[in-house]
Amino acid sequence: MNILIVEDEASSRLLLKSFLSEYGDISLAEDGGQAIEIFRGAVDSGNYFDLVILDIKLPVMGGLDVLKTIRNIEAEFGIAPADGTKVIMSTALSDHKSVLVAFREQCEIYLVKPIEKAMLVESMRKLQLID
């Protein structure tokens, strides 16, 4: 599995990487602009991401804008929504509006921090990325 972790806090980025490293290859981004650059490069090369863990609050470009851009890039390349990258939003924001906006922009799962490994594993099972 090819995984992109987008998180501006270094400790959270490393924790998520430690949780997910046994499930595939990990790429890391610390801001929204870097995430889009990495994502577009992967799609351009045909090496798609199966999963993106995406924080909502990011420097340069917010997580919801990153999500919208990811979906636009997939559309440009003719990737059907059902075949697109699975996106798990990771955030401290649990208010109703943030959750609704994230799902409207086509995230699959919304996890509120602090995130534990069991939460991620269960989410990947729900997304049928692992057994």
N, C-alpha and C. Protein backbone atom coordinates (compact mmCIF):
# COMPACT_ATOMS: atom_id res chain seq x y z
N MET A 1 0.86 -1.17 0.00
CA MET A 1 0.00 0.00 0.00
C MET A 1 0.90 1.23 0.00
N ASN A 2 0.49 2.25 -0.72
CA ASN A 2 1.21 3.52 -0.81
C ASN A 2 0.44 4.55 0.02
N ILE A 3 1.09 5.12 1.04
CA ILE A 3 0.42 5.99 2.02
C ILE A 3 1.10 7.35 2.07
N LEU A 4 0.31 8.41 2.09
CA LEU A 4 0.80 9.78 2.28
C LEU A 4 0.24 10.30 3.60
N ILE A 5 1.14 10.74 4.48
CA ILE A 5 0.74 11.34 5.75
C ILE A 5 1.01 12.83 5.64
N VAL A 6 -0.05 13.64 5.84
CA VAL A 6 0.08 15.09 5.76
C VAL A 6 -0.25 15.65 7.14
N GLU A 7 0.79 16.09 7.83
CA GLU A 7 0.65 16.55 9.22
C GLU A 7 1.75 17.57 9.49
N ASP A 8 1.38 18.74 10.01
CA ASP A 8 2.38 19.77 10.24
C ASP A 8 3.17 19.59 11.53
N GLU A 9 2.67 18.87 12.49
CA GLU A 9 3.39 18.63 13.74
C GLU A 9 4.31 17.41 13.57
N ALA A 10 5.61 17.62 13.74
CA ALA A 10 6.59 16.56 13.52
C ALA A 10 6.32 15.34 14.38
N SER A 11 5.97 15.54 15.65
CA SER A 11 5.74 14.38 16.53
C SER A 11 4.54 13.57 16.06
N SER A 12 3.48 14.23 15.61
CA SER A 12 2.30 13.52 15.10
C SER A 12 2.63 12.80 13.80
N ARG A 13 3.41 13.43 12.94
CA ARG A 13 3.82 12.82 11.68
C ARG A 13 4.59 11.52 11.94
N LEU A 14 5.54 11.58 12.88
CA LEU A 14 6.34 10.40 13.18
C LEU A 14 5.53 9.31 13.87
N LEU A 15 4.59 9.71 14.72
CA LEU A 15 3.73 8.73 15.37
C LEU A 15 2.87 8.00 14.35
N LEU A 16 2.24 8.76 13.44
CA LEU A 16 1.43 8.15 12.39
C LEU A 16 2.28 7.23 11.51
N LYS A 17 3.49 7.68 11.21
CA LYS A 17 4.39 6.84 10.40
C LYS A 17 4.69 5.53 11.12
N SER A 18 4.94 5.60 12.42
CA SER A 18 5.23 4.37 13.17
C SER A 18 4.02 3.44 13.20
N PHE A 19 2.81 4.01 13.27
CA PHE A 19 1.59 3.19 13.26
C PHE A 19 1.40 2.49 11.92
N LEU A 20 1.75 3.17 10.83
CA LEU A 20 1.38 2.69 9.49
C LEU A 20 2.51 2.02 8.71
N SER A 21 3.73 2.11 9.19
CA SER A 21 4.87 1.63 8.39
C SER A 21 4.79 0.15 8.05
N GLU A 22 4.16 -0.66 8.88
CA GLU A 22 4.05 -2.09 8.58
C GLU A 22 3.05 -2.38 7.45
N TYR A 23 2.27 -1.38 7.06
CA TYR A 23 1.22 -1.59 6.05
C TYR A 23 1.62 -1.14 4.65
N GLY A 24 2.77 -0.47 4.52
CA GLY A 24 3.15 -0.06 3.19
C GLY A 24 4.23 1.00 3.19
N ASP A 25 4.42 1.60 2.02
CA ASP A 25 5.41 2.65 1.83
C ASP A 25 4.81 3.99 2.25
N ILE A 26 5.56 4.75 3.02
CA ILE A 26 5.07 6.00 3.59
C ILE A 26 5.79 7.19 2.96
N SER A 27 5.02 8.18 2.55
CA SER A 27 5.54 9.49 2.16
C SER A 27 5.01 10.49 3.18
N LEU A 28 5.81 11.52 3.46
CA LEU A 28 5.44 12.51 4.46
C LEU A 28 5.40 13.90 3.87
N ALA A 29 4.40 14.69 4.30
CA ALA A 29 4.31 16.10 3.92
C ALA A 29 3.98 16.89 5.18
N GLU A 30 4.59 18.07 5.31
CA GLU A 30 4.35 18.86 6.51
C GLU A 30 3.48 20.08 6.27
N ASP A 31 3.07 20.31 5.03
CA ASP A 31 2.13 21.39 4.75
C ASP A 31 1.31 21.03 3.51
N GLY A 32 0.26 21.80 3.28
CA GLY A 32 -0.66 21.50 2.18
C GLY A 32 -0.03 21.60 0.81
N GLY A 33 0.83 22.60 0.61
CA GLY A 33 1.49 22.75 -0.68
C GLY A 33 2.38 21.57 -1.01
N GLN A 34 3.14 21.12 -0.03
CA GLN A 34 4.01 19.97 -0.22
C GLN A 34 3.18 18.71 -0.50
N ALA A 35 2.05 18.58 0.18
CA ALA A 35 1.18 17.42 -0.03
C ALA A 35 0.70 17.35 -1.48
N ILE A 36 0.27 18.48 -2.02
CA ILE A 36 -0.22 18.51 -3.40
C ILE A 36 0.91 18.19 -4.37
N GLU A 37 2.09 18.73 -4.11
CA GLU A 37 3.24 18.45 -4.97
C GLU A 37 3.55 16.95 -4.99
N ILE A 38 3.57 16.33 -3.81
CA ILE A 38 3.86 14.89 -3.72
C ILE A 38 2.74 14.08 -4.38
N PHE A 39 1.49 14.46 -4.11
CA PHE A 39 0.35 13.72 -4.67
C PHE A 39 0.35 13.80 -6.19
N ARG A 40 0.51 15.01 -6.72
CA ARG A 40 0.51 15.18 -8.19
C ARG A 40 1.66 14.41 -8.82
N GLY A 41 2.83 14.44 -8.20
CA GLY A 41 3.97 13.69 -8.72
C GLY A 41 3.70 12.20 -8.77
N ALA A 42 3.03 11.70 -7.74
CA ALA A 42 2.70 10.27 -7.71
C ALA A 42 1.72 9.92 -8.82
N VAL A 43 0.71 10.72 -9.01
CA VAL A 43 -0.28 10.46 -10.06
C VAL A 43 0.37 10.57 -11.44
N ASP A 44 1.21 11.60 -11.62
CA ASP A 44 1.92 11.76 -12.89
C ASP A 44 2.75 10.53 -13.24
N SER A 45 3.33 9.90 -12.23
CA SER A 45 4.20 8.74 -12.46
C SER A 45 3.43 7.42 -12.46
N GLY A 46 2.11 7.48 -12.20
CA GLY A 46 1.31 6.26 -12.16
C GLY A 46 1.44 5.49 -10.86
N ASN A 47 2.04 6.10 -9.86
CA ASN A 47 2.26 5.45 -8.56
C ASN A 47 1.29 6.06 -7.55
N TYR A 48 0.03 5.71 -7.68
CA TYR A 48 -1.03 6.34 -6.91
C TYR A 48 -0.94 6.03 -5.42
N PHE A 49 -1.48 6.93 -4.62
CA PHE A 49 -1.61 6.68 -3.19
C PHE A 49 -2.91 5.93 -2.93
N ASP A 50 -2.82 4.89 -2.12
CA ASP A 50 -4.01 4.16 -1.71
C ASP A 50 -4.71 4.88 -0.57
N LEU A 51 -3.91 5.55 0.26
CA LEU A 51 -4.43 6.18 1.46
C LEU A 51 -3.70 7.49 1.73
N VAL A 52 -4.47 8.51 2.10
CA VAL A 52 -3.91 9.78 2.57
C VAL A 52 -4.49 10.05 3.95
N ILE A 53 -3.60 10.28 4.92
CA ILE A 53 -4.01 10.74 6.24
C ILE A 53 -3.77 12.24 6.22
N LEU A 54 -4.82 13.02 6.39
CA LEU A 54 -4.76 14.45 6.12
C LEU A 54 -5.29 15.27 7.29
N ASP A 55 -4.42 16.10 7.87
CA ASP A 55 -4.82 17.01 8.93
C ASP A 55 -5.60 18.17 8.31
N ILE A 56 -6.60 18.67 9.02
CA ILE A 56 -7.38 19.80 8.50
C ILE A 56 -6.62 21.12 8.62
N LYS A 57 -5.97 21.33 9.75
CA LYS A 57 -5.25 22.59 10.00
C LYS A 57 -3.81 22.44 9.56
N LEU A 58 -3.48 23.04 8.40
CA LEU A 58 -2.14 22.95 7.83
C LEU A 58 -1.67 24.32 7.38
N PRO A 59 -0.36 24.56 7.41
CA PRO A 59 0.16 25.79 6.82
C PRO A 59 0.15 25.69 5.29
N VAL A 60 0.27 26.81 4.64
CA VAL A 60 0.32 26.98 3.18
C VAL A 60 -1.04 26.75 2.55
N MET A 61 -1.64 25.59 2.74
CA MET A 61 -2.95 25.27 2.19
C MET A 61 -3.64 24.36 3.19
N GLY A 62 -4.84 24.73 3.61
CA GLY A 62 -5.58 23.94 4.59
C GLY A 62 -5.95 22.56 4.07
N GLY A 63 -6.20 21.65 5.00
CA GLY A 63 -6.52 20.27 4.65
C GLY A 63 -7.74 20.11 3.76
N LEU A 64 -8.77 20.92 3.99
CA LEU A 64 -9.96 20.80 3.14
C LEU A 64 -9.67 21.23 1.71
N ASP A 65 -8.81 22.26 1.54
CA ASP A 65 -8.41 22.67 0.20
C ASP A 65 -7.52 21.60 -0.45
N VAL A 66 -6.68 20.96 0.35
CA VAL A 66 -5.86 19.86 -0.16
C VAL A 66 -6.76 18.72 -0.65
N LEU A 67 -7.75 18.38 0.15
CA LEU A 67 -8.69 17.32 -0.23
C LEU A 67 -9.40 17.65 -1.54
N LYS A 68 -9.88 18.88 -1.63
CA LYS A 68 -10.56 19.30 -2.87
C LYS A 68 -9.61 19.21 -4.07
N THR A 69 -8.36 19.61 -3.88
CA THR A 69 -7.37 19.55 -4.97
C THR A 69 -7.05 18.12 -5.34
N ILE A 70 -6.94 17.24 -4.36
CA ILE A 70 -6.71 15.81 -4.63
C ILE A 70 -7.82 15.27 -5.52
N ARG A 71 -9.06 15.58 -5.17
CA ARG A 71 -10.20 15.08 -5.96
C ARG A 71 -10.19 15.69 -7.37
N ASN A 72 -9.77 16.95 -7.49
CA ASN A 72 -9.68 17.57 -8.82
C ASN A 72 -8.58 16.93 -9.66
N ILE A 73 -7.44 16.62 -9.04
CA ILE A 73 -6.35 15.95 -9.76
C ILE A 73 -6.83 14.58 -10.25
N GLU A 74 -7.51 13.84 -9.39
CA GLU A 74 -8.02 12.54 -9.80
C GLU A 74 -8.98 12.68 -10.98
N ALA A 75 -9.84 13.68 -10.94
CA ALA A 75 -10.78 13.90 -12.05
C ALA A 75 -10.03 14.23 -13.34
N GLU A 76 -8.98 15.05 -13.24
CA GLU A 76 -8.15 15.39 -14.42
C GLU A 76 -7.58 14.14 -15.07
N PHE A 77 -7.22 13.16 -14.27
CA PHE A 77 -6.60 11.94 -14.77
C PHE A 77 -7.63 10.84 -15.05
N GLY A 78 -8.92 11.18 -14.94
CA GLY A 78 -9.96 10.22 -15.25
C GLY A 78 -10.14 9.13 -14.22
N ILE A 79 -9.71 9.39 -13.00
CA ILE A 79 -9.87 8.42 -11.92
C ILE A 79 -11.27 8.57 -11.34
N ALA A 80 -12.06 7.52 -11.45
CA ALA A 80 -13.44 7.55 -10.95
C ALA A 80 -13.43 7.68 -9.43
N PRO A 81 -14.43 8.38 -8.88
CA PRO A 81 -14.49 8.55 -7.42
C PRO A 81 -14.38 7.23 -6.64
N ALA A 82 -14.98 6.18 -7.13
CA ALA A 82 -14.92 4.89 -6.43
C ALA A 82 -13.51 4.30 -6.44
N ASP A 83 -12.69 4.71 -7.40
CA ASP A 83 -11.33 4.20 -7.54
C ASP A 83 -10.28 5.14 -6.98
N GLY A 84 -10.71 6.27 -6.44
CA GLY A 84 -9.78 7.29 -5.96
C GLY A 84 -9.10 6.90 -4.66
N THR A 85 -8.16 7.73 -4.29
CA THR A 85 -7.43 7.57 -3.04
C THR A 85 -8.39 7.68 -1.87
N LYS A 86 -8.23 6.81 -0.89
CA LYS A 86 -9.03 6.88 0.33
C LYS A 86 -8.40 7.94 1.23
N VAL A 87 -9.22 8.84 1.77
CA VAL A 87 -8.72 9.93 2.60
C VAL A 87 -9.34 9.86 3.99
N ILE A 88 -8.45 9.82 4.98
CA ILE A 88 -8.86 9.90 6.38
C ILE A 88 -8.44 11.27 6.89
N MET A 89 -9.41 12.08 7.27
CA MET A 89 -9.12 13.38 7.87
C MET A 89 -8.73 13.15 9.32
N SER A 90 -7.67 13.79 9.76
CA SER A 90 -7.21 13.68 11.14
C SER A 90 -7.15 15.09 11.70
N THR A 91 -7.89 15.31 12.78
CA THR A 91 -8.00 16.67 13.27
C THR A 91 -8.44 16.74 14.73
N ALA A 92 -8.21 17.88 15.32
CA ALA A 92 -8.71 18.13 16.68
C ALA A 92 -10.10 18.75 16.62
N LEU A 93 -10.56 19.10 15.42
CA LEU A 93 -11.86 19.74 15.25
C LEU A 93 -12.97 18.70 15.16
N SER A 94 -13.85 18.70 16.12
CA SER A 94 -14.95 17.73 16.10
C SER A 94 -16.30 18.41 15.94
N ASP A 95 -16.29 19.71 15.62
CA ASP A 95 -17.57 20.40 15.47
C ASP A 95 -18.31 19.91 14.23
N HIS A 96 -19.62 20.00 14.28
CA HIS A 96 -20.51 19.49 13.24
C HIS A 96 -20.17 20.05 11.86
N LYS A 97 -19.89 21.34 11.77
CA LYS A 97 -19.62 21.98 10.48
C LYS A 97 -18.35 21.41 9.83
N SER A 98 -17.28 21.25 10.60
CA SER A 98 -16.04 20.71 10.04
C SER A 98 -16.23 19.29 9.51
N VAL A 99 -16.97 18.49 10.24
CA VAL A 99 -17.23 17.12 9.82
C VAL A 99 -18.03 17.11 8.51
N LEU A 100 -19.09 17.91 8.43
CA LEU A 100 -19.91 17.96 7.22
C LEU A 100 -19.12 18.43 6.01
N VAL A 101 -18.31 19.46 6.18
CA VAL A 101 -17.52 19.99 5.07
C VAL A 101 -16.53 18.93 4.59
N ALA A 102 -15.89 18.23 5.52
CA ALA A 102 -14.92 17.19 5.14
C ALA A 102 -15.59 16.09 4.31
N PHE A 103 -16.76 15.65 4.73
CA PHE A 103 -17.46 14.60 3.96
C PHE A 103 -17.98 15.14 2.63
N ARG A 104 -18.40 16.39 2.60
CA ARG A 104 -18.85 16.99 1.35
C ARG A 104 -17.71 17.04 0.33
N GLU A 105 -16.49 17.23 0.82
CA GLU A 105 -15.32 17.26 -0.06
C GLU A 105 -14.78 15.86 -0.35
N GLN A 106 -15.51 14.84 0.09
CA GLN A 106 -15.27 13.44 -0.25
C GLN A 106 -14.14 12.77 0.53
N CYS A 107 -14.04 13.07 1.83
CA CYS A 107 -13.17 12.22 2.65
C CYS A 107 -13.99 10.98 3.00
N GLU A 108 -13.31 9.90 3.29
CA GLU A 108 -14.02 8.67 3.63
C GLU A 108 -14.24 8.52 5.13
N ILE A 109 -13.27 8.97 5.91
CA ILE A 109 -13.34 8.81 7.37
C ILE A 109 -12.80 10.07 8.03
N TYR A 110 -13.36 10.41 9.17
CA TYR A 110 -12.98 11.61 9.93
C TYR A 110 -12.61 11.15 11.34
N LEU A 111 -11.33 11.26 11.70
CA LEU A 111 -10.87 10.85 13.03
C LEU A 111 -10.45 12.07 13.84
N VAL A 112 -10.90 12.11 15.09
CA VAL A 112 -10.56 13.21 15.99
C VAL A 112 -9.35 12.79 16.83
N LYS A 113 -8.38 13.69 16.91
CA LYS A 113 -7.17 13.45 17.69
C LYS A 113 -7.50 13.42 19.18
N PRO A 114 -6.76 12.69 19.97
CA PRO A 114 -5.56 11.94 19.63
C PRO A 114 -5.92 10.64 18.91
N ILE A 115 -5.14 10.32 17.90
CA ILE A 115 -5.37 9.12 17.10
C ILE A 115 -4.52 7.98 17.64
N GLU A 116 -5.15 6.84 17.78
CA GLU A 116 -4.46 5.65 18.24
C GLU A 116 -4.35 4.66 17.08
N LYS A 117 -3.38 3.77 17.17
CA LYS A 117 -3.15 2.80 16.10
C LYS A 117 -4.40 1.97 15.82
N ALA A 118 -5.10 1.55 16.87
CA ALA A 118 -6.31 0.74 16.69
C ALA A 118 -7.36 1.47 15.85
N MET A 119 -7.46 2.79 16.03
CA MET A 119 -8.41 3.59 15.24
C MET A 119 -8.04 3.55 13.75
N LEU A 120 -6.76 3.70 13.47
CA LEU A 120 -6.30 3.67 12.08
C LEU A 120 -6.49 2.30 11.44
N VAL A 121 -6.15 1.27 12.19
CA VAL A 121 -6.30 -0.09 11.66
C VAL A 121 -7.77 -0.38 11.36
N GLU A 122 -8.65 -0.03 12.27
CA GLU A 122 -10.09 -0.24 12.05
C GLU A 122 -10.57 0.58 10.84
N SER A 123 -10.08 1.79 10.70
CA SER A 123 -10.46 2.63 9.55
C SER A 123 -9.99 2.00 8.24
N MET A 124 -8.77 1.48 8.22
CA MET A 124 -8.27 0.84 7.01
C MET A 124 -9.07 -0.42 6.68
N ARG A 125 -9.53 -1.12 7.70
CA ARG A 125 -10.39 -2.29 7.46
C ARG A 125 -11.72 -1.84 6.84
N LYS A 126 -12.32 -0.80 7.39
CA LYS A 126 -13.58 -0.29 6.86
C LYS A 126 -13.44 0.13 5.41
N LEU A 127 -12.27 0.66 5.07
CA LEU A 127 -12.01 1.11 3.70
C LEU A 127 -11.55 -0.04 2.79
N GLN A 128 -11.47 -1.25 3.37
CA GLN A 128 -11.05 -2.46 2.66
C GLN A 128 -9.64 -2.35 2.08
N LEU A 129 -8.78 -1.62 2.82
CA LEU A 129 -7.38 -1.51 2.43
C LEU A 129 -6.56 -2.64 3.05
N ILE A 130 -7.05 -3.20 4.16
CA ILE A 130 -6.40 -4.34 4.80
C ILE A 130 -7.50 -5.31 5.24
N ASP A 131 -7.11 -6.54 5.54
CA ASP A 131 -8.06 -7.56 6.01
C ASP A 131 -8.23 -7.46 7.51
